Amino acid sequence: MSKRQKTIPKFSGEAAERAFWEKNDSAEYLDWSKARPAVFPNLKPSTKTISLRLPEHLLNAIRVAANARDVPYQSLIKIWLQEKVHSR
């Protein structure tokens, strides 16, 4: 048995919409049983280019480790940084 849904109000801006949804249950406005998964195949996390100065011997060691794992050295640096951040 389907419950009558409330009408979603018009919002004056993103802040007003955010405030509304923080205080209201979306199930009163949407029939979530009809929802379908969304797929965003081209969505990539935003990245920022940085310049990082490393001692040459350290960069060479990283390149050797990356080569042994058959991954680009910059990817290996990102993996190691991610692991370190998540281990804290």
N, C-alpha and C. Protein backbone atom coordinates (compact mmCIF):
# COMPACT_ATOMS: atom_id res chain seq x y z
N MET A 1 0.84 -1.17 0.00
CA MET A 1 0.00 0.00 0.00
C MET A 1 0.89 1.25 0.00
N SER A 2 0.73 2.09 -0.99
CA SER A 2 1.58 3.26 -1.15
C SER A 2 1.05 4.43 -0.34
N LYS A 3 1.94 5.05 0.40
CA LYS A 3 1.60 6.21 1.21
C LYS A 3 1.72 7.46 0.35
N ARG A 4 0.81 8.40 0.51
CA ARG A 4 0.86 9.64 -0.26
C ARG A 4 2.11 10.43 0.13
N GLN A 5 2.87 10.83 -0.88
CA GLN A 5 4.11 11.54 -0.66
C GLN A 5 3.85 13.05 -0.54
N LYS A 6 4.61 13.71 0.31
CA LYS A 6 4.55 15.16 0.43
C LYS A 6 5.26 15.78 -0.78
N THR A 7 4.89 17.00 -1.11
CA THR A 7 5.52 17.72 -2.21
C THR A 7 6.81 18.38 -1.73
N ILE A 8 7.87 18.19 -2.48
CA ILE A 8 9.15 18.82 -2.14
C ILE A 8 9.03 20.31 -2.42
N PRO A 9 9.36 21.16 -1.45
CA PRO A 9 9.23 22.61 -1.67
C PRO A 9 10.29 23.14 -2.63
N LYS A 10 10.05 24.34 -3.14
CA LYS A 10 11.05 25.04 -3.96
C LYS A 10 12.02 25.70 -2.99
N PHE A 11 13.30 25.64 -3.31
CA PHE A 11 14.33 26.18 -2.43
C PHE A 11 14.94 27.43 -3.03
N SER A 12 15.29 28.37 -2.17
CA SER A 12 15.89 29.63 -2.64
C SER A 12 17.38 29.45 -2.98
N GLY A 13 17.95 28.36 -2.52
CA GLY A 13 19.37 28.10 -2.81
C GLY A 13 19.80 26.81 -2.16
N GLU A 14 21.06 26.47 -2.38
CA GLU A 14 21.62 25.21 -1.86
C GLU A 14 21.60 25.17 -0.33
N ALA A 15 21.90 26.30 0.31
CA ALA A 15 21.91 26.34 1.77
C ALA A 15 20.52 26.06 2.34
N ALA A 16 19.49 26.62 1.71
CA ALA A 16 18.11 26.40 2.17
C ALA A 16 17.72 24.93 1.98
N GLU A 17 18.12 24.35 0.86
CA GLU A 17 17.81 22.95 0.61
C GLU A 17 18.52 22.05 1.61
N ARG A 18 19.79 22.34 1.88
CA ARG A 18 20.56 21.55 2.85
C ARG A 18 19.89 21.62 4.22
N ALA A 19 19.49 22.81 4.63
CA ALA A 19 18.84 22.99 5.94
C ALA A 19 17.54 22.21 6.01
N PHE A 20 16.78 22.21 4.91
CA PHE A 20 15.51 21.48 4.86
C PHE A 20 15.74 19.97 5.05
N TRP A 21 16.67 19.41 4.28
CA TRP A 21 16.90 17.96 4.34
C TRP A 21 17.56 17.52 5.64
N GLU A 22 18.25 18.42 6.32
CA GLU A 22 18.81 18.08 7.63
C GLU A 22 17.72 17.88 8.67
N LYS A 23 16.56 18.50 8.44
CA LYS A 23 15.47 18.45 9.44
C LYS A 23 14.30 17.57 9.01
N ASN A 24 14.27 17.09 7.77
CA ASN A 24 13.13 16.34 7.26
C ASN A 24 13.54 14.97 6.75
N ASP A 25 12.66 14.01 6.88
CA ASP A 25 12.90 12.64 6.42
C ASP A 25 12.54 12.54 4.95
N SER A 26 13.50 12.18 4.12
CA SER A 26 13.26 12.10 2.68
C SER A 26 12.21 11.06 2.32
N ALA A 27 11.99 10.06 3.17
CA ALA A 27 11.00 9.02 2.89
C ALA A 27 9.58 9.59 2.86
N GLU A 28 9.38 10.75 3.46
CA GLU A 28 8.06 11.40 3.41
C GLU A 28 7.84 12.10 2.07
N TYR A 29 8.90 12.29 1.30
CA TYR A 29 8.84 13.03 0.05
C TYR A 29 9.14 12.19 -1.18
N LEU A 30 9.80 11.08 -0.99
CA LEU A 30 10.21 10.22 -2.10
C LEU A 30 9.84 8.77 -1.82
N ASP A 31 9.48 8.05 -2.88
CA ASP A 31 9.20 6.62 -2.75
C ASP A 31 10.50 5.87 -3.06
N TRP A 32 11.25 5.56 -2.00
CA TRP A 32 12.56 4.94 -2.18
C TRP A 32 12.49 3.53 -2.74
N SER A 33 11.29 2.91 -2.73
CA SER A 33 11.17 1.56 -3.32
C SER A 33 11.33 1.60 -4.83
N LYS A 34 11.17 2.79 -5.42
CA LYS A 34 11.33 2.94 -6.87
C LYS A 34 12.73 3.42 -7.26
N ALA A 35 13.58 3.61 -6.28
CA ALA A 35 14.94 4.11 -6.55
C ALA A 35 15.77 3.06 -7.27
N ARG A 36 16.66 3.54 -8.13
CA ARG A 36 17.59 2.66 -8.85
C ARG A 36 19.00 3.14 -8.56
N PRO A 37 19.96 2.23 -8.55
CA PRO A 37 21.34 2.65 -8.32
C PRO A 37 21.81 3.59 -9.43
N ALA A 38 22.57 4.59 -9.06
CA ALA A 38 23.15 5.52 -10.03
C ALA A 38 24.58 5.08 -10.33
N VAL A 39 24.97 5.24 -11.57
CA VAL A 39 26.31 4.89 -11.99
C VAL A 39 26.96 6.13 -12.62
N PHE A 40 28.14 6.48 -12.13
CA PHE A 40 28.88 7.62 -12.64
C PHE A 40 30.24 7.13 -13.10
N PRO A 41 30.32 6.54 -14.30
CA PRO A 41 31.56 5.89 -14.72
C PRO A 41 32.73 6.85 -14.93
N ASN A 42 32.48 8.11 -15.21
CA ASN A 42 33.57 9.03 -15.50
C ASN A 42 33.94 9.91 -14.31
N LEU A 43 33.35 9.63 -13.15
CA LEU A 43 33.63 10.42 -11.97
C LEU A 43 34.97 10.02 -11.37
N LYS A 44 35.83 10.99 -11.21
CA LYS A 44 37.15 10.73 -10.64
C LYS A 44 37.34 11.65 -9.44
N PRO A 45 38.03 11.17 -8.41
CA PRO A 45 38.29 12.06 -7.28
C PRO A 45 39.15 13.24 -7.73
N SER A 46 38.87 14.41 -7.18
CA SER A 46 39.69 15.56 -7.57
C SER A 46 41.10 15.39 -7.03
N THR A 47 42.01 15.82 -7.82
CA THR A 47 43.41 15.73 -7.43
C THR A 47 44.05 17.11 -7.55
N LYS A 48 45.14 17.27 -6.88
CA LYS A 48 45.90 18.52 -6.96
C LYS A 48 47.35 18.16 -7.21
N THR A 49 47.94 18.83 -8.16
CA THR A 49 49.34 18.61 -8.48
C THR A 49 50.20 19.35 -7.46
N ILE A 50 51.19 18.65 -6.95
CA ILE A 50 52.13 19.27 -6.01
C ILE A 50 53.55 19.02 -6.50
N SER A 51 54.45 19.81 -5.99
CA SER A 51 55.87 19.62 -6.27
C SER A 51 56.49 19.11 -4.97
N LEU A 52 57.21 18.01 -5.06
CA LEU A 52 57.80 17.41 -3.87
C LEU A 52 59.28 17.15 -4.16
N ARG A 53 60.12 17.73 -3.35
CA ARG A 53 61.56 17.52 -3.53
C ARG A 53 62.00 16.37 -2.63
N LEU A 54 62.62 15.37 -3.24
CA LEU A 54 63.11 14.20 -2.51
C LEU A 54 64.60 14.05 -2.77
N PRO A 55 65.32 13.54 -1.80
CA PRO A 55 66.72 13.22 -2.07
C PRO A 55 66.79 12.19 -3.20
N GLU A 56 67.78 12.34 -4.04
CA GLU A 56 67.88 11.46 -5.21
C GLU A 56 67.95 9.99 -4.82
N HIS A 57 68.68 9.67 -3.75
CA HIS A 57 68.79 8.27 -3.33
C HIS A 57 67.42 7.72 -2.91
N LEU A 58 66.58 8.55 -2.27
CA LEU A 58 65.24 8.11 -1.86
C LEU A 58 64.36 7.87 -3.09
N LEU A 59 64.39 8.79 -4.03
CA LEU A 59 63.61 8.63 -5.25
C LEU A 59 64.05 7.38 -6.02
N ASN A 60 65.36 7.14 -6.07
CA ASN A 60 65.86 5.93 -6.74
C ASN A 60 65.36 4.67 -6.05
N ALA A 61 65.35 4.67 -4.72
CA ALA A 61 64.86 3.51 -3.97
C ALA A 61 63.36 3.29 -4.22
N ILE A 62 62.63 4.38 -4.29
CA ILE A 62 61.18 4.28 -4.57
C ILE A 62 60.97 3.72 -5.98
N ARG A 63 61.74 4.18 -6.93
CA ARG A 63 61.62 3.68 -8.31
C ARG A 63 61.94 2.18 -8.39
N VAL A 64 62.96 1.74 -7.65
CA VAL A 64 63.30 0.32 -7.63
C VAL A 64 62.14 -0.49 -7.04
N ALA A 65 61.57 0.00 -5.93
CA ALA A 65 60.45 -0.69 -5.29
C ALA A 65 59.24 -0.73 -6.23
N ALA A 66 58.98 0.36 -6.92
CA ALA A 66 57.85 0.42 -7.85
C ALA A 66 58.07 -0.53 -9.02
N ASN A 67 59.29 -0.57 -9.53
CA ASN A 67 59.60 -1.47 -10.63
C ASN A 67 59.41 -2.92 -10.22
N ALA A 68 59.79 -3.25 -9.00
CA ALA A 68 59.63 -4.63 -8.50
C ALA A 68 58.15 -5.01 -8.40
N ARG A 69 57.31 -4.01 -8.16
CA ARG A 69 55.86 -4.25 -8.05
C ARG A 69 55.13 -4.02 -9.38
N ASP A 70 55.87 -3.60 -10.40
CA ASP A 70 55.34 -3.33 -11.73
C ASP A 70 54.24 -2.26 -11.69
N VAL A 71 54.51 -1.19 -10.94
CA VAL A 71 53.60 -0.04 -10.89
C VAL A 71 54.42 1.23 -11.09
N PRO A 72 53.80 2.29 -11.59
CA PRO A 72 54.53 3.56 -11.70
C PRO A 72 54.94 4.07 -10.31
N TYR A 73 56.10 4.69 -10.24
CA TYR A 73 56.60 5.11 -8.92
C TYR A 73 55.69 6.13 -8.25
N GLN A 74 55.07 7.02 -9.04
CA GLN A 74 54.16 8.00 -8.45
C GLN A 74 52.93 7.33 -7.85
N SER A 75 52.45 6.28 -8.49
CA SER A 75 51.32 5.52 -7.95
C SER A 75 51.70 4.84 -6.65
N LEU A 76 52.91 4.30 -6.60
CA LEU A 76 53.38 3.65 -5.38
C LEU A 76 53.49 4.66 -4.24
N ILE A 77 53.98 5.84 -4.52
CA ILE A 77 54.05 6.88 -3.49
C ILE A 77 52.65 7.18 -2.95
N LYS A 78 51.66 7.31 -3.85
CA LYS A 78 50.27 7.58 -3.42
C LYS A 78 49.73 6.43 -2.57
N ILE A 79 50.03 5.20 -2.97
CA ILE A 79 49.57 4.03 -2.20
C ILE A 79 50.17 4.07 -0.80
N TRP A 80 51.47 4.29 -0.72
CA TRP A 80 52.13 4.32 0.59
C TRP A 80 51.60 5.45 1.46
N LEU A 81 51.37 6.62 0.87
CA LEU A 81 50.83 7.74 1.64
C LEU A 81 49.43 7.41 2.16
N GLN A 82 48.61 6.83 1.31
CA GLN A 82 47.24 6.44 1.69
C GLN A 82 47.27 5.43 2.84
N GLU A 83 48.13 4.43 2.72
CA GLU A 83 48.25 3.41 3.79
C GLU A 83 48.68 4.06 5.10
N LYS A 84 49.62 4.97 5.04
CA LYS A 84 50.11 5.61 6.25
C LYS A 84 49.03 6.47 6.90
N VAL A 85 48.29 7.21 6.11
CA VAL A 85 47.21 8.04 6.63
C VAL A 85 46.13 7.18 7.29
N HIS A 86 45.80 6.05 6.68
CA HIS A 86 44.75 5.19 7.23
C HIS A 86 45.20 4.36 8.42
N SER A 87 46.50 4.24 8.62
CA SER A 87 46.99 3.45 9.75
C SER A 87 47.04 4.26 11.03
N ARG A 88 46.82 5.53 10.95
CA ARG A 88 46.90 6.43 12.14
C ARG A 88 45.66 6.34 12.97
